[in-house]
Protein backbone atom coordinates (compact mmCIF):
# COMPACT_ATOMS: atom_id res chain seq x y z
CA MET A 1 0.07 0.08 0.16
CA GLY A 2 1.14 3.32 -1.22
CA ARG A 3 1.24 6.27 1.13
CA VAL A 4 -1.89 8.02 -0.44
CA GLU A 5 -3.58 4.62 0.24
CA GLU A 6 -2.53 4.67 3.69
CA PHE A 7 -3.39 8.19 4.06
CA ALA A 8 -6.62 7.79 2.80
CA GLU A 9 -7.75 4.56 4.93
CA LEU A 10 -7.08 6.56 8.10
CA ARG A 11 -8.15 10.18 7.02
CA PRO A 12 -11.66 9.50 8.77
CA LEU A 13 -9.87 8.67 11.93
CA LEU A 14 -7.88 11.42 11.90
CA PHE A 15 -10.48 13.90 11.14
CA SER A 16 -12.73 12.38 13.89
CA ILE A 17 -10.00 13.13 15.96
CA ALA A 18 -8.89 16.42 14.98
CA TYR A 19 -12.89 17.62 15.16
CA ARG A 20 -13.28 16.09 18.74
CA ILE A 21 -10.37 18.28 19.90
CA LEU A 22 -11.04 21.61 18.10
CA GLY A 23 -15.09 21.35 17.39
CA SER A 24 -14.85 22.95 13.97
CA VAL A 25 -15.30 20.97 10.84
CA GLY A 26 -12.97 23.84 9.05
CA ASP A 27 -9.95 23.54 11.51
CA ALA A 28 -10.01 19.89 11.52
CA GLU A 29 -10.02 19.42 7.97
CA ASP A 30 -7.00 22.04 7.84
CA ALA A 31 -5.06 19.99 10.40
CA VAL A 32 -5.96 16.60 8.34
CA GLN A 33 -4.22 18.30 5.03
CA GLU A 34 -1.21 19.72 7.29
CA THR A 35 -0.85 16.02 8.53
CA TRP A 36 -0.95 14.50 4.96
CA LEU A 37 1.73 17.07 4.03
CA ARG A 38 4.10 16.53 7.08
CA PHE A 39 3.24 12.59 5.88
CA GLU A 40 4.23 12.99 2.51
CA ALA A 41 7.47 14.95 3.17
CA GLY A 42 8.69 12.57 5.65
CA PRO A 43 11.97 11.02 4.19
CA THR A 44 11.12 7.64 5.90
CA ARG A 45 7.97 5.27 6.08
CA PRO A 46 6.71 5.37 9.96
CA ARG A 47 6.54 1.49 11.34
CA SER A 48 3.04 2.34 12.29
CA ALA A 49 1.17 4.74 9.78
CA LYS A 50 -1.82 5.12 12.10
CA SER A 51 0.31 5.92 15.48
CA PHE A 52 2.49 8.35 13.47
CA LEU A 53 -0.77 10.19 11.85
CA SER A 54 -2.80 9.82 14.67
CA ALA A 55 0.18 11.77 17.01
CA VAL A 56 0.78 14.48 14.09
CA VAL A 57 -2.81 15.52 13.90
CA THR A 58 -2.97 15.77 17.64
CA ARG A 59 -0.26 17.81 17.86
CA ILE A 60 -1.63 20.01 15.14
CA SER A 61 -4.64 20.31 16.70
CA ILE A 62 -3.44 21.17 20.43
CA ASP A 63 -1.67 24.34 18.68
CA VAL A 64 -5.01 25.33 16.66
CA LEU A 65 -6.97 25.03 19.70
CA ARG A 66 -4.38 27.27 21.92
CA SER A 67 -4.75 30.05 19.30
CA ALA A 68 -8.41 29.38 19.10
CA ARG A 69 -9.25 29.38 22.58
CA VAL A 70 -7.99 33.31 22.49
CA ARG A 71 -10.17 34.30 19.74
CA ARG A 72 -13.09 32.23 21.75
CA GLU A 73 -12.65 34.84 24.54
CA GLU A 74 -13.73 37.81 22.56
CA TYR A 75 -16.26 35.86 20.61
CA VAL A 76 -19.90 38.01 20.31
CA GLY A 77 -22.70 35.57 22.03
CA PRO A 78 -22.93 32.05 22.70
CA TRP A 79 -19.98 29.85 20.90
CA PHE A 80 -21.08 26.48 20.23
CA PRO A 81 -19.21 23.79 18.03
CA GLU A 82 -19.57 23.55 14.29
CA PRO A 83 -22.63 21.30 13.18
CA LEU A 84 -21.34 18.02 12.27
CA LEU A 85 -23.99 15.99 10.05
CA ALA A 86 -21.80 12.58 9.87
CA ASP A 87 -19.00 11.39 11.53
CA PRO A 88 -16.61 9.77 8.99
CA TYR A 89 -15.18 7.22 11.01
CA GLU A 90 -16.77 3.90 12.46
CA ASP A 91 -15.99 1.42 14.71
CA PRO A 92 -18.57 -0.93 15.86
CA ALA A 93 -16.87 -1.97 18.98
CA ARG A 94 -16.87 1.80 20.07
CA SER A 95 -20.06 3.09 18.16
CA ALA A 96 -21.80 4.26 21.73
CA GLU A 97 -18.38 6.19 22.92
CA LEU A 98 -18.08 7.64 19.36
CA ALA A 99 -21.74 8.74 19.03
CA ASP A 100 -21.89 10.40 22.43
CA SER A 101 -18.32 11.98 22.27
CA VAL A 102 -19.43 14.09 19.16
CA SER A 103 -22.63 15.36 20.69
CA THR A 104 -22.77 19.04 21.03
CA ALA A 105 -23.16 18.77 24.92
CA ALA A 106 -20.13 16.63 25.08
CA LEU A 107 -18.03 18.82 22.65
CA LEU A 108 -19.36 21.57 25.03
CA LEU A 109 -18.01 19.86 28.10
CA LEU A 110 -14.76 19.15 26.46
CA GLU A 111 -14.29 23.13 26.14
CA ARG A 112 -13.51 22.94 30.15
CA LEU A 113 -10.72 20.68 29.72
CA SER A 114 -7.28 22.20 28.92
CA PRO A 115 -6.02 21.39 25.27
CA LEU A 116 -3.99 18.76 26.93
CA GLU A 117 -6.39 16.72 28.64
CA ARG A 118 -8.86 17.18 25.79
CA ALA A 119 -6.40 15.64 23.50
CA VAL A 120 -5.68 12.69 25.87
CA PHE A 121 -9.41 12.31 26.91
CA VAL A 122 -10.33 12.04 23.00
CA LEU A 123 -7.48 9.79 22.25
CA ARG A 124 -7.59 7.28 25.50
CA GLU A 125 -11.31 7.32 26.29
CA VAL A 126 -12.77 8.11 22.73
CA PHE A 127 -10.56 6.13 20.55
CA ASP A 128 -9.41 3.52 23.06
CA PHE A 129 -5.41 4.64 22.14
CA GLY A 130 -2.68 2.72 24.82
CA PHE A 131 -0.90 5.33 26.88
CA PRO A 132 2.27 4.82 25.07
CA GLU A 133 0.87 5.90 21.77
CA VAL A 134 -1.26 9.06 24.18
CA ALA A 135 1.93 9.97 25.44
CA SER A 136 3.99 10.05 22.36
CA ALA A 137 1.37 11.89 20.58
CA VAL A 138 0.82 14.59 23.35
CA GLY A 139 4.72 14.95 24.07
CA ARG A 140 4.32 13.87 28.09
CA SER A 141 5.17 10.79 29.78
CA GLU A 142 2.63 8.17 30.06
CA ASP A 143 2.28 8.57 33.85
CA ALA A 144 1.64 12.56 33.03
CA CYS A 145 -1.01 11.23 30.68
CA ARG A 146 -2.59 8.86 33.23
CA GLN A 147 -3.30 11.81 35.35
CA LEU A 148 -4.18 14.03 32.69
CA ALA A 149 -6.86 11.41 32.08
CA VAL A 150 -7.82 10.93 35.46
CA ARG A 151 -8.80 14.89 35.50
CA ALA A 152 -10.53 14.85 32.00
CA ARG A 153 -12.55 11.96 33.00
CA ARG A 154 -13.74 13.44 36.67
CA HIS A 155 -14.54 17.01 34.65
CA MET A 156 -16.40 15.29 31.85
CA ARG A 157 -18.65 12.99 34.27
CA ALA A 158 -19.18 15.83 36.38
CA GLY A 159 -20.92 18.06 33.74
CA ARG A 160 -22.83 14.80 32.09
CA PRO A 161 -26.96 14.62 32.81
CA ARG A 162 -27.65 11.37 34.54
CA PHE A 163 -29.61 10.03 32.63
CA GLU A 164 -30.24 10.83 28.68
CA ALA A 165 -32.82 8.90 26.36
CA ASP A 166 -31.94 6.51 24.07
CA ARG A 167 -32.01 7.04 20.06
CA ARG A 168 -35.48 5.77 19.73
CA GLU A 169 -36.68 7.82 22.26
CA ARG A 170 -34.91 11.29 21.13
CA GLU A 171 -36.10 10.57 17.68
CA GLU A 172 -39.98 9.72 18.59
CA LEU A 173 -39.71 13.19 20.70
CA ALA A 174 -38.27 15.17 18.09
CA GLY A 175 -40.76 13.86 15.31
CA ARG A 176 -43.81 15.49 17.57
CA PHE A 177 -41.17 18.52 17.99
CA PHE A 178 -40.97 19.04 14.43
CA ASP A 179 -44.85 18.64 14.08
CA ALA A 180 -45.75 21.10 16.70
CA LEU A 181 -43.11 23.19 15.52
CA ARG A 182 -44.58 23.44 11.72
CA GLU A 183 -48.12 23.84 13.24
CA GLY A 184 -47.23 26.79 15.51
CA ASP A 185 -48.59 24.50 18.29
CA VAL A 186 -47.80 26.27 21.84
CA ASP A 187 -49.42 23.52 23.66
CA GLY A 188 -47.94 20.71 22.22
CA LEU A 189 -44.53 22.30 22.43
CA GLN A 190 -44.80 23.24 25.82
CA GLN A 191 -45.71 19.53 26.54
CA LEU A 192 -42.59 18.41 25.02
CA LEU A 193 -39.94 20.71 26.64
CA ALA A 194 -38.65 20.41 29.86
CA ALA A 195 -39.76 22.84 32.65
CA ASP A 196 -36.36 24.55 32.84
CA VAL A 197 -35.69 24.10 28.73
CA SER A 198 -33.20 26.85 27.18
CA LEU A 199 -32.87 28.16 23.60
CA ALA A 200 -29.73 29.82 22.57
CA GLY A 201 -28.14 30.68 19.06
CA ASP A 202 -24.60 30.97 18.35
CA ALA A 203 -24.30 33.80 15.63
CA GLY A 204 -21.23 35.24 16.37
CA GLY A 205 -22.31 38.83 15.51
CA LYS A 206 -22.56 37.72 12.03
CA ALA A 207 -26.18 36.96 11.80
CA PRO A 208 -29.21 38.16 13.57
CA GLN A 209 -29.44 36.13 16.54
CA LEU A 210 -31.65 36.70 20.19
CA ALA A 211 -30.46 39.08 22.54
CA ARG A 212 -29.94 36.07 24.95
CA SER A 213 -31.09 32.91 26.00
CA VAL A 214 -34.58 32.00 26.77
CA VAL A 215 -35.12 29.83 29.50
CA GLY A 216 -38.54 28.27 30.53
CA ALA A 217 -40.92 25.84 28.64
CA GLU A 218 -43.79 28.76 28.20
CA LYS A 219 -41.53 31.29 27.07
CA VAL A 220 -39.58 28.67 24.40
CA ALA A 221 -42.66 27.47 23.35
CA ARG A 222 -44.30 31.06 22.56
CA LEU A 223 -40.96 32.24 20.72
CA LEU A 224 -40.68 29.32 18.71
CA ALA A 225 -44.64 28.92 17.59
CA ALA A 226 -44.26 32.98 16.55
CA VAL A 227 -41.26 32.55 14.80
CA PHE A 228 -40.83 29.41 12.65
CA PRO A 229 -44.57 29.35 11.14
CA ALA A 230 -43.40 33.07 10.02
CA MET A 231 -40.78 31.84 8.52
CA ALA A 232 -42.25 28.95 6.78
CA ARG A 233 -44.76 31.66 4.87
CA ILE A 234 -41.56 33.16 3.37
CA ASP A 235 -40.70 29.64 2.27
CA VAL A 236 -37.87 28.92 4.47
CA THR A 237 -38.19 25.04 5.20
CA GLY A 238 -36.76 22.70 7.87
CA GLU A 239 -35.14 19.37 6.98
CA PRO A 240 -34.95 17.30 9.77
CA HIS A 241 -31.47 15.91 10.36
CA VAL A 242 -29.07 14.28 12.73
CA ILE A 243 -26.77 16.94 13.84
CA ASN A 244 -23.73 16.00 16.26
CA GLY A 245 -25.51 12.81 16.43
CA ARG A 246 -28.66 13.96 17.87
CA PRO A 247 -31.97 15.03 16.39
CA GLY A 248 -31.81 18.31 14.47
CA ALA A 249 -32.46 20.39 11.34
CA ILE A 250 -31.25 22.28 8.75
CA PHE A 251 -33.61 25.21 7.75
CA ARG A 252 -32.84 26.53 4.34
CA ASP A 253 -34.44 29.63 2.17
CA ARG A 254 -36.36 29.61 -0.87
CA ASP A 255 -33.22 28.92 -2.81
CA GLY A 256 -31.83 26.11 -0.90
CA ARG A 257 -29.32 28.19 0.73
CA VAL A 258 -28.59 27.26 4.20
CA LEU A 259 -30.18 29.53 7.01
CA HIS A 260 -29.07 27.67 10.49
CA THR A 261 -29.26 24.51 11.71
CA LEU A 262 -31.27 23.60 15.16
CA GLY A 263 -30.18 20.73 17.69
CA LEU A 264 -31.99 19.07 20.34
CA ASP A 265 -30.79 17.57 23.51
CA VAL A 266 -33.45 15.25 25.25
CA LEU A 267 -33.17 14.05 28.79
CA ASP A 268 -35.89 12.27 31.02
CA GLY A 269 -38.31 12.27 27.94
CA ARG A 270 -38.25 16.02 27.66
CA ILE A 271 -36.11 18.38 25.54
CA GLN A 272 -33.76 20.21 27.77
CA THR A 273 -31.79 22.48 25.34
CA ILE A 274 -32.50 23.54 21.83
CA ARG A 275 -29.09 25.16 20.06
CA LEU A 276 -29.30 26.92 16.86
CA VAL A 277 -26.00 27.45 14.96
CA LEU A 278 -26.86 30.63 12.66
CA ASN A 279 -23.09 31.78 12.27
CA PRO A 280 -22.38 31.66 8.49
CA ASP A 281 -18.70 31.02 9.11
CA LYS A 282 -19.81 27.78 10.80
CA LEU A 283 -22.31 26.72 7.84
CA GLY A 284 -20.10 26.56 4.61
CA HIS A 285 -19.55 22.98 4.97
CA VAL A 286 -23.51 22.31 5.28
CA GLY A 287 -24.03 24.09 1.94
CA PRO A 288 -24.45 27.35 0.01
CA VAL A 289 -25.11 29.94 3.24
CA ALA A 290 -28.37 32.50 2.58
CA ASP A 291 -27.91 36.08 3.62
CA ALA A 292 -29.55 35.66 7.34
CA TRP A 293 -29.95 39.57 7.40
CA ASP A 294 -32.31 39.80 4.12
CA ILE A 295 -34.43 36.65 5.92
CA SER A 296 -34.84 38.65 8.68
CA ARG A 297 -35.87 41.87 7.20
CA GLU A 298 -38.24 39.95 4.69
CA LEU A 299 -39.77 38.46 7.78
CA LYS A 300 -40.43 41.69 9.42
CA GLU A 301 -41.79 43.09 6.13
CA SER A 302 -43.97 40.20 6.21
CA ARG A 303 -45.18 40.81 9.54
CA ARG A 304 -46.35 44.13 8.86
CA PRO A 305 -49.92 44.77 8.56
CA VAL A 306 -51.64 45.70 5.13
CA GLU A 307 -52.85 48.96 4.58
């Protein structure tokens, strides 16, 4: 097998590692491309391409994450990971860990870790790398990596919900949610929402967004029932789609361009969190991006009474 074929076979794994460390599709793709360039330029073939390439993409991702964290401190409004429509890496033996680790809630928990803790957790807990490989990847001793793993697991467990719905329950609840959303059914929506449900949007100052997070079943239900049917009247459509391994939807304008994504977190039989990603910089990989400001203006015009 040549280098090109060897790299192509491992590319899904490398992207999946980088995305979980970075929370960005674009940055993960750049990290994978830089990994290829270093692999291609290497004078000798490594004994284990998987270990070598995983180490390289991890180191690149750590460096990118450190600089990204400075930018995130100045980010306008809530910051959410870029929506991932499908994880390219599959491993039947670790399907549960892979699916859970790519959820938006898990990625936001990973944001609480240091870059080194995050990398160690991803390699060890998600992809089951041995500590010798983890140590090589992050440039620390095995003992140090074990300590980093312990701290990372403790932080992650402390922030996780105790009882999360299984896939079938999530999908059934999401179907009812989107039916009620299309109909503008306030009562129907409210019955599906947790009492302390929160609705928040990541626009990064580059698209219209909520002034703040909206909390509470009644407030969220009324807002959703007012906005989404009105959007439908100007030909904005919602396409149900898995977002980061959880139920969600992609909303498009009349020309099929992406306006935003919507993702749901389900807990104890109710929708706990609704997250919108509206920042156009985070949507380019989903498809051509709509002008959200134009949509907002058209929406306001449509609500004006006819004289």
